[in-house]
């Protein structure tokens, strides 16, 4: 199999699993694995693929779920937030390699999750505020009202990344498709 075909297949797999885990946890408010899957896609495949995985996964998940599609302004913020999560995965790969030591890497992954999730929550809140009633007063009110949900979302993603990201990266690196992609890594940077 050509390397580009393999990369496309792995990209499609990340998207499919991301959407599936999103639906599997849809009834747990603000606890999700979608961000982690998108992040791992960027970590393993580079920033362009990570951005594509983030955009596509969120587009499918957000438009075809049990609660109905997101309004366009919220969808745009969600797409941007998850696109950034995929890019963040590729950036983190430059600092934390698959063989990086345990505890420091775990904290770095958790910090990354906190930042990604906070940006996502802020973008979606800001998008809503700009449509409903633009202004700093309403934005602050929405942020305060949403604080319990933000804290749960940010804390759960921090813990998920802390415990699962290093383990999943180690597992993925041992799978034949990822071993083959890793050999091509210097040529794949940015793809």
Protein backbone atom coordinates (compact mmCIF):
# COMPACT_ATOMS: atom_id res chain seq x y z
CA UNK A 1 0.00 0.00 0.00
CA UNK A 2 1.37 3.42 -0.92
CA UNK A 3 2.15 5.70 2.00
CA UNK A 4 -0.44 8.32 0.90
CA UNK A 5 -3.14 5.64 0.68
CA UNK A 6 -2.14 4.36 4.11
CA UNK A 7 -2.24 7.88 5.55
CA UNK A 8 -5.67 8.51 4.00
CA UNK A 9 -6.94 5.22 5.46
CA UNK A 10 -5.62 6.08 8.94
CA UNK A 11 -7.11 9.59 8.65
CA UNK A 12 -10.53 8.13 7.77
CA UNK A 13 -10.21 5.71 10.69
CA UNK A 14 -9.52 8.55 13.14
CA UNK A 15 -12.59 10.39 11.83
CA UNK A 16 -14.82 7.31 12.11
CA UNK A 17 -13.65 6.48 15.63
CA UNK A 18 -13.94 10.13 16.69
CA UNK A 19 -17.55 10.31 15.53
CA UNK A 20 -18.34 6.91 17.08
CA UNK A 21 -16.95 7.80 20.53
CA UNK A 22 -18.79 11.11 20.33
CA UNK A 23 -22.07 9.31 19.85
CA UNK A 24 -21.21 6.68 22.46
CA UNK A 25 -20.79 9.34 25.16
CA UNK A 26 -23.44 11.79 23.93
CA UNK A 27 -25.51 11.38 27.11
CA UNK A 28 -22.63 12.33 29.43
CA UNK A 29 -22.69 16.14 29.38
CA UNK A 30 -19.26 17.69 28.83
CA UNK A 31 -17.40 14.38 29.09
CA UNK A 32 -16.07 13.34 25.70
CA UNK A 33 -13.26 11.54 23.91
CA UNK A 34 -13.62 13.34 20.57
CA UNK A 35 -10.98 15.95 21.41
CA UNK A 36 -8.50 13.23 22.36
CA UNK A 37 -9.05 11.31 19.10
CA UNK A 38 -8.61 14.47 17.03
CA UNK A 39 -5.50 15.40 19.01
CA UNK A 40 -4.05 11.91 18.43
CA UNK A 41 -4.74 12.25 14.73
CA UNK A 42 -2.68 15.43 14.57
CA UNK A 43 -0.01 13.95 16.82
CA UNK A 44 0.47 10.95 14.56
CA UNK A 45 -0.22 12.36 11.10
CA UNK A 46 0.84 16.03 11.18
CA UNK A 47 -0.93 19.35 11.37
CA UNK A 48 -2.74 19.28 8.01
CA UNK A 49 -4.21 15.85 8.62
CA UNK A 50 -4.96 16.78 12.23
CA UNK A 51 -6.84 19.89 11.11
CA UNK A 52 -8.75 17.85 8.53
CA UNK A 53 -9.60 15.17 11.10
CA UNK A 54 -10.78 17.83 13.56
CA UNK A 55 -12.91 19.70 11.02
CA UNK A 56 -14.45 16.58 9.47
CA UNK A 57 -15.08 14.72 12.72
CA UNK A 58 -16.80 17.71 14.30
CA UNK A 59 -18.78 18.46 11.14
CA UNK A 60 -20.22 14.95 11.01
CA UNK A 61 -20.75 14.67 14.77
CA UNK A 62 -22.33 18.10 15.14
CA UNK A 63 -24.67 17.82 12.17
CA UNK A 64 -25.84 14.23 12.53
CA UNK A 65 -26.52 13.60 16.20
CA UNK A 66 -29.60 12.79 18.26
CA UNK A 67 -30.06 16.38 19.42
CA UNK A 68 -30.14 17.77 15.89
CA UNK A 69 -27.63 19.91 14.05
CA UNK A 70 -25.88 22.82 15.72
CA UNK A 71 -26.85 26.33 14.61
CA UNK A 72 -24.47 27.65 11.95
CA UNK A 73 -22.67 30.10 14.25
CA UNK A 74 -22.07 27.42 16.88
CA UNK A 75 -21.02 24.93 14.21
CA UNK A 76 -18.42 27.38 12.88
CA UNK A 77 -16.96 27.80 16.39
CA UNK A 78 -16.98 24.03 16.97
CA UNK A 79 -15.23 23.39 13.66
CA UNK A 80 -12.55 25.97 14.45
CA UNK A 81 -12.06 24.60 17.97
CA UNK A 82 -11.61 21.01 16.82
CA UNK A 83 -9.48 22.01 13.85
CA UNK A 84 -7.17 23.67 16.40
CA UNK A 85 -7.17 20.49 18.51
CA UNK A 86 -5.79 18.53 15.55
CA UNK A 87 -3.13 21.16 14.93
CA UNK A 88 -2.25 21.13 18.63
CA UNK A 89 -1.56 17.41 18.40
CA UNK A 90 1.06 18.00 15.70
CA UNK A 91 2.63 20.85 17.68
CA UNK A 92 2.83 18.77 20.86
CA UNK A 93 4.54 15.97 18.88
CA UNK A 94 7.48 18.35 18.38
CA UNK A 95 7.95 18.58 22.17
CA UNK A 96 6.71 15.23 23.46
CA UNK A 97 7.80 12.23 21.43
CA UNK A 98 6.26 8.78 21.83
CA UNK A 99 9.24 7.71 23.94
CA UNK A 100 9.16 10.77 26.25
CA UNK A 101 9.33 10.05 29.99
CA UNK A 102 6.04 9.32 31.73
CA UNK A 103 5.03 11.88 34.34
CA UNK A 104 6.32 15.01 32.58
CA UNK A 105 4.67 13.94 29.32
CA UNK A 106 1.40 13.20 31.12
CA UNK A 107 1.30 16.69 32.65
CA UNK A 108 2.13 18.25 29.29
CA UNK A 109 -0.73 16.32 27.66
CA UNK A 110 -3.10 17.37 30.47
CA UNK A 111 -2.07 21.03 30.15
CA UNK A 112 -2.60 20.84 26.40
CA UNK A 113 -6.08 19.38 26.96
CA UNK A 114 -6.96 22.18 29.39
CA UNK A 115 -5.90 24.82 26.85
CA UNK A 116 -7.62 23.15 23.88
CA UNK A 117 -10.85 22.63 25.81
CA UNK A 118 -10.88 26.16 27.28
CA UNK A 119 -10.39 27.61 23.78
CA UNK A 120 -13.18 25.40 22.40
CA UNK A 121 -15.60 26.38 25.18
CA UNK A 122 -14.73 30.07 24.83
CA UNK A 123 -15.18 30.00 21.04
CA UNK A 124 -18.59 28.35 21.22
CA UNK A 125 -19.74 30.73 23.95
CA UNK A 126 -18.44 33.75 22.06
CA UNK A 127 -20.19 32.63 18.87
CA UNK A 128 -23.48 32.39 20.73
CA UNK A 129 -23.02 35.79 22.38
CA UNK A 130 -22.19 37.50 19.08
CA UNK A 131 -25.48 36.30 17.58
CA UNK A 132 -27.76 36.81 20.60
CA UNK A 133 -26.53 40.04 22.17
CA UNK A 134 -23.03 41.26 21.34
CA UNK A 135 -21.28 42.99 24.20
CA UNK A 136 -18.93 42.33 27.06
CA UNK A 137 -21.68 42.29 29.71
CA UNK A 138 -23.57 39.43 28.10
CA UNK A 139 -20.34 37.57 27.38
CA UNK A 140 -19.34 37.73 31.05
CA UNK A 141 -22.83 36.62 32.09
CA UNK A 142 -22.69 33.64 29.71
CA UNK A 143 -19.21 32.69 30.89
CA UNK A 144 -20.28 32.84 34.54
CA UNK A 145 -23.47 30.88 33.86
CA UNK A 146 -21.53 28.26 31.91
CA UNK A 147 -18.68 27.99 34.42
CA UNK A 148 -19.79 24.67 35.97
CA UNK A 149 -20.04 23.11 32.51
CA UNK A 150 -16.67 24.56 31.45
CA UNK A 151 -15.00 23.28 34.61
CA UNK A 152 -16.40 19.78 34.08
CA UNK A 153 -15.41 19.77 30.40
CA UNK A 154 -11.91 21.13 31.03
CA UNK A 155 -11.22 18.91 34.06
CA UNK A 156 -12.52 15.75 32.38
CA UNK A 157 -10.44 16.37 29.26
CA UNK A 158 -7.39 17.12 31.40
CA UNK A 159 -7.79 13.80 33.19
CA UNK A 160 -8.57 11.92 29.98
CA UNK A 161 -5.43 13.28 28.31
CA UNK A 162 -3.33 12.65 31.44
CA UNK A 163 -4.32 8.99 31.66
CA UNK A 164 -5.14 7.97 28.09
CA UNK A 165 -2.96 10.01 25.70
CA UNK A 166 0.40 8.46 26.64
CA UNK A 167 -1.01 4.92 26.71
CA UNK A 168 -2.80 5.29 23.38
CA UNK A 169 0.26 6.84 21.75
CA UNK A 170 2.37 3.90 22.93
CA UNK A 171 -0.19 1.40 21.63
CA UNK A 172 -0.59 3.16 18.28
CA UNK A 173 3.17 3.32 17.72
CA UNK A 174 3.34 -0.49 17.88
CA UNK A 175 0.66 -1.06 15.23
CA UNK A 176 2.01 -1.84 11.75
CA UNK A 177 0.34 1.11 9.95
CA UNK A 178 1.80 3.56 12.47
CA UNK A 179 5.22 1.91 12.36
CA UNK A 180 5.22 2.38 8.61
CA UNK A 181 4.04 6.00 8.89
CA UNK A 182 6.69 6.68 11.56
CA UNK A 183 9.41 5.67 9.11
CA UNK A 184 8.08 8.35 6.76
CA UNK A 185 7.70 10.95 9.54
CA UNK A 186 10.46 13.37 8.43
CA UNK A 187 8.87 13.50 4.97
CA UNK A 188 5.35 13.81 6.44
CA UNK A 189 5.95 16.88 8.60
CA UNK A 190 3.25 19.38 7.77
CA UNK A 191 1.17 16.91 5.78
